[in-house]
Amino acid sequence: MDWRHRSACLDEDPELFFPIGNTGPAIMQIEEAKVVCRRCDVREQCLQ
């Protein structure tokens, strides 16, 4: 099975990982995306 099928972000909105800007609401969005990534079992493969 492809590692992507085991990713923590599989059911997340892809827009979560593409914030617009880096201030205000985008900071919260960036932090939310990081939380998803931190709990992911296949993070190493994804970040390669």
PDB file of N, CA and C in Angstrom:
ATOM      1  N   MET A   1       0.852  -1.182   0.000  1.00  0.00           N
ATOM      2  CA  MET A   1       0.000   0.000   0.000  1.00  0.00           C
ATOM      3  C   MET A   1       0.898   1.245   0.000  1.00  0.00           C
ATOM      4  N   ASP A   2       0.506   2.222  -0.745  1.00  0.00           N
ATOM      5  CA  ASP A   2       1.223   3.489  -0.827  1.00  0.00           C
ATOM      6  C   ASP A   2       1.166   4.194   0.533  1.00  0.00           C
ATOM      7  N   TRP A   3       2.285   4.776   0.961  1.00  0.00           N
ATOM      8  CA  TRP A   3       2.337   5.445   2.262  1.00  0.00           C
ATOM      9  C   TRP A   3       1.332   6.591   2.368  1.00  0.00           C
ATOM     10  N   ARG A   4       0.971   7.188   1.247  1.00  0.00           N
ATOM     11  CA  ARG A   4       0.027   8.317   1.287  1.00  0.00           C
ATOM     12  C   ARG A   4      -1.349   7.912   1.810  1.00  0.00           C
ATOM     13  N   HIS A   5      -1.688   6.651   1.690  1.00  0.00           N
ATOM     14  CA  HIS A   5      -2.982   6.175   2.193  1.00  0.00           C
ATOM     15  C   HIS A   5      -2.998   6.089   3.717  1.00  0.00           C
ATOM     16  N   ARG A   6      -1.824   6.221   4.340  1.00  0.00           N
ATOM     17  CA  ARG A   6      -1.724   6.172   5.799  1.00  0.00           C
ATOM     18  C   ARG A   6      -1.435   7.542   6.402  1.00  0.00           C
ATOM     19  N   SER A   7      -1.492   8.580   5.599  1.00  0.00           N
ATOM     20  CA  SER A   7      -1.131   9.919   6.077  1.00  0.00           C
ATOM     21  C   SER A   7      -2.216  10.522   6.976  1.00  0.00           C
ATOM     22  N   ALA A   8      -1.769  11.313   7.931  1.00  0.00           N
ATOM     23  CA  ALA A   8      -2.698  11.977   8.856  1.00  0.00           C
ATOM     24  C   ALA A   8      -3.529  13.041   8.149  1.00  0.00           C
ATOM     25  N   CYS A   9      -3.027  13.546   7.035  1.00  0.00           N
ATOM     26  CA  CYS A   9      -3.718  14.630   6.331  1.00  0.00           C
ATOM     27  C   CYS A   9      -4.693  14.130   5.271  1.00  0.00           C
ATOM     28  N   LEU A  10      -4.836  12.849   5.159  1.00  0.00           N
ATOM     29  CA  LEU A  10      -5.666  12.263   4.108  1.00  0.00           C
ATOM     30  C   LEU A  10      -7.067  12.868   4.056  1.00  0.00           C
ATOM     31  N   ASP A  11      -7.654  13.114   5.198  1.00  0.00           N
ATOM     32  CA  ASP A  11      -9.018  13.643   5.244  1.00  0.00           C
ATOM     33  C   ASP A  11      -9.076  15.145   5.520  1.00  0.00           C
ATOM     34  N   GLU A  12      -7.920  15.794   5.521  1.00  0.00           N
ATOM     35  CA  GLU A  12      -7.873  17.242   5.751  1.00  0.00           C
ATOM     36  C   GLU A  12      -8.091  17.991   4.441  1.00  0.00           C
ATOM     37  N   ASP A  13      -8.563  19.213   4.554  1.00  0.00           N
ATOM     38  CA  ASP A  13      -8.699  20.089   3.389  1.00  0.00           C
ATOM     39  C   ASP A  13      -7.292  20.457   2.918  1.00  0.00           C
ATOM     40  N   PRO A  14      -6.936  20.184   1.673  1.00  0.00           N
ATOM     41  CA  PRO A  14      -5.588  20.504   1.182  1.00  0.00           C
ATOM     42  C   PRO A  14      -5.219  21.980   1.345  1.00  0.00           C
ATOM     43  N   GLU A  15      -6.205  22.858   1.346  1.00  0.00           N
ATOM     44  CA  GLU A  15      -5.932  24.288   1.500  1.00  0.00           C
ATOM     45  C   GLU A  15      -5.276  24.607   2.847  1.00  0.00           C
ATOM     46  N   LEU A  16      -5.459  23.722   3.827  1.00  0.00           N
ATOM     47  CA  LEU A  16      -4.841  23.920   5.136  1.00  0.00           C
ATOM     48  C   LEU A  16      -3.332  24.071   5.008  1.00  0.00           C
ATOM     49  N   PHE A  17      -2.745  23.373   4.055  1.00  0.00           N
ATOM     50  CA  PHE A  17      -1.296  23.332   3.912  1.00  0.00           C
ATOM     51  C   PHE A  17      -0.743  24.400   2.966  1.00  0.00           C
ATOM     52  N   PHE A  18      -1.594  25.284   2.508  1.00  0.00           N
ATOM     53  CA  PHE A  18      -1.180  26.352   1.601  1.00  0.00           C
ATOM     54  C   PHE A  18      -1.766  27.687   2.058  1.00  0.00           C
ATOM     55  N   PRO A  19      -1.316  28.173   3.223  1.00  0.00           N
ATOM     56  CA  PRO A  19      -1.852  29.438   3.735  1.00  0.00           C
ATOM     57  C   PRO A  19      -1.462  30.604   2.831  1.00  0.00           C
ATOM     58  N   ILE A  20      -2.291  31.600   2.843  1.00  0.00           N
ATOM     59  CA  ILE A  20      -2.006  32.818   2.087  1.00  0.00           C
ATOM     60  C   ILE A  20      -1.406  33.811   3.070  1.00  0.00           C
ATOM     61  N   GLY A  21      -0.132  34.093   2.904  1.00  0.00           N
ATOM     62  CA  GLY A  21       0.566  35.015   3.786  1.00  0.00           C
ATOM     63  C   GLY A  21       1.196  34.307   4.964  1.00  0.00           C
ATOM     64  N   ASN A  22       1.731  35.105   5.873  1.00  0.00           N
ATOM     65  CA  ASN A  22       2.351  34.542   7.072  1.00  0.00           C
ATOM     66  C   ASN A  22       2.102  35.427   8.295  1.00  0.00           C
ATOM     67  N   THR A  23       0.972  36.118   8.275  1.00  0.00           N
ATOM     68  CA  THR A  23       0.555  36.921   9.421  1.00  0.00           C
ATOM     69  C   THR A  23      -0.932  36.697   9.659  1.00  0.00           C
ATOM     70  N   GLY A  24      -1.400  37.135  10.809  1.00  0.00           N
ATOM     71  CA  GLY A  24      -2.826  37.053  11.122  1.00  0.00           C
ATOM     72  C   GLY A  24      -3.370  35.638  11.063  1.00  0.00           C
ATOM     73  N   PRO A  25      -4.488  35.432  10.352  1.00  0.00           N
ATOM     74  CA  PRO A  25      -5.120  34.113  10.286  1.00  0.00           C
ATOM     75  C   PRO A  25      -4.205  33.038   9.699  1.00  0.00           C
ATOM     76  N   ALA A  26      -3.288  33.433   8.852  1.00  0.00           N
ATOM     77  CA  ALA A  26      -2.381  32.455   8.247  1.00  0.00           C
ATOM     78  C   ALA A  26      -1.498  31.792   9.301  1.00  0.00           C
ATOM     79  N   ILE A  27      -1.150  32.521  10.353  1.00  0.00           N
ATOM     80  CA  ILE A  27      -0.329  31.942  11.421  1.00  0.00           C
ATOM     81  C   ILE A  27      -1.072  30.794  12.084  1.00  0.00           C
ATOM     82  N   MET A  28      -2.345  30.982  12.357  1.00  0.00           N
ATOM     83  CA  MET A  28      -3.158  29.912  12.951  1.00  0.00           C
ATOM     84  C   MET A  28      -3.247  28.722  12.006  1.00  0.00           C
ATOM     85  N   GLN A  29      -3.420  28.987  10.741  1.00  0.00           N
ATOM     86  CA  GLN A  29      -3.517  27.928   9.741  1.00  0.00           C
ATOM     87  C   GLN A  29      -2.209  27.142   9.669  1.00  0.00           C
ATOM     88  N   ILE A  30      -1.091  27.834   9.707  1.00  0.00           N
ATOM     89  CA  ILE A  30       0.219  27.177   9.682  1.00  0.00           C
ATOM     90  C   ILE A  30       0.372  26.267  10.894  1.00  0.00           C
ATOM     91  N   GLU A  31      -0.019  26.750  12.058  1.00  0.00           N
ATOM     92  CA  GLU A  31       0.080  25.943  13.279  1.00  0.00           C
ATOM     93  C   GLU A  31      -0.824  24.717  13.209  1.00  0.00           C
ATOM     94  N   GLU A  32      -2.027  24.875  12.664  1.00  0.00           N
ATOM     95  CA  GLU A  32      -2.939  23.734  12.511  1.00  0.00           C
ATOM     96  C   GLU A  32      -2.330  22.682  11.588  1.00  0.00           C
ATOM     97  N   ALA A  33      -1.712  23.118  10.514  1.00  0.00           N
ATOM     98  CA  ALA A  33      -1.072  22.188   9.584  1.00  0.00           C
ATOM     99  C   ALA A  33       0.076  21.454  10.266  1.00  0.00           C
ATOM    100  N   LYS A  34       0.841  22.150  11.078  1.00  0.00           N
ATOM    101  CA  LYS A  34       1.959  21.526  11.794  1.00  0.00           C
ATOM    102  C   LYS A  34       1.472  20.465  12.770  1.00  0.00           C
ATOM    103  N   VAL A  35       0.342  20.718  13.413  1.00  0.00           N
ATOM    104  CA  VAL A  35      -0.229  19.739  14.344  1.00  0.00           C
ATOM    105  C   VAL A  35      -0.561  18.447  13.598  1.00  0.00           C
ATOM    106  N   VAL A  36      -1.158  18.580  12.431  1.00  0.00           N
ATOM    107  CA  VAL A  36      -1.495  17.405  11.618  1.00  0.00           C
ATOM    108  C   VAL A  36      -0.219  16.651  11.259  1.00  0.00           C
ATOM    109  N   CYS A  37       0.784  17.361  10.811  1.00  0.00           N
ATOM    110  CA  CYS A  37       2.039  16.722  10.403  1.00  0.00           C
ATOM    111  C   CYS A  37       2.736  16.038  11.576  1.00  0.00           C
ATOM    112  N   ARG A  38       2.706  16.657  12.739  1.00  0.00           N
ATOM    113  CA  ARG A  38       3.385  16.078  13.906  1.00  0.00           C
ATOM    114  C   ARG A  38       2.801  14.733  14.316  1.00  0.00           C
ATOM    115  N   ARG A  39       1.523  14.544  14.081  1.00  0.00           N
ATOM    116  CA  ARG A  39       0.894  13.285  14.505  1.00  0.00           C
ATOM    117  C   ARG A  39       0.928  12.219  13.404  1.00  0.00           C
ATOM    118  N   CYS A  40       1.572  12.524  12.294  1.00  0.00           N
ATOM    119  CA  CYS A  40       1.550  11.634  11.137  1.00  0.00           C
ATOM    120  C   CYS A  40       2.622  10.550  11.223  1.00  0.00           C
ATOM    121  N   ASP A  41       2.224   9.318  10.957  1.00  0.00           N
ATOM    122  CA  ASP A  41       3.142   8.177  10.982  1.00  0.00           C
ATOM    123  C   ASP A  41       4.053   8.121   9.764  1.00  0.00           C
ATOM    124  N   VAL A  42       3.714   8.807   8.697  1.00  0.00           N
ATOM    125  CA  VAL A  42       4.510   8.733   7.462  1.00  0.00           C
ATOM    126  C   VAL A  42       5.152  10.083   7.120  1.00  0.00           C
ATOM    127  N   ARG A  43       5.352  10.896   8.120  1.00  0.00           N
ATOM    128  CA  ARG A  43       5.918  12.233   7.907  1.00  0.00           C
ATOM    129  C   ARG A  43       7.282  12.185   7.220  1.00  0.00           C
ATOM    130  N   GLU A  44       8.128  11.256   7.620  1.00  0.00           N
ATOM    131  CA  GLU A  44       9.467  11.156   7.022  1.00  0.00           C
ATOM    132  C   GLU A  44       9.386  10.953   5.508  1.00  0.00           C
ATOM    133  N   GLN A  45       8.542  10.029   5.074  1.00  0.00           N
ATOM    134  CA  GLN A  45       8.391   9.776   3.637  1.00  0.00           C
ATOM    135  C   GLN A  45       7.831  11.006   2.932  1.00  0.00           C
ATOM    136  N   CYS A  46       6.890  11.657   3.538  1.00  0.00           N
ATOM    137  CA  CYS A  46       6.234  12.815   2.933  1.00  0.00           C
ATOM    138  C   CYS A  46       7.209  13.973   2.738  1.00  0.00           C
ATOM    139  N   LEU A  47       8.070  14.193   3.701  1.00  0.00           N
ATOM    140  CA  LEU A  47       8.965  15.342   3.654  1.00  0.00           C
ATOM    141  C   LEU A  47      10.198  15.121   2.779  1.00  0.00           C
ATOM    142  N   GLN A  48      10.339  13.948   2.229  1.00  0.00           N
ATOM    143  CA  GLN A  48      11.495  13.682   1.350  1.00  0.00           C
ATOM    144  C   GLN A  48      11.317  14.305   0.001  1.00  0.00           C
TER     145      GLN A  48
END
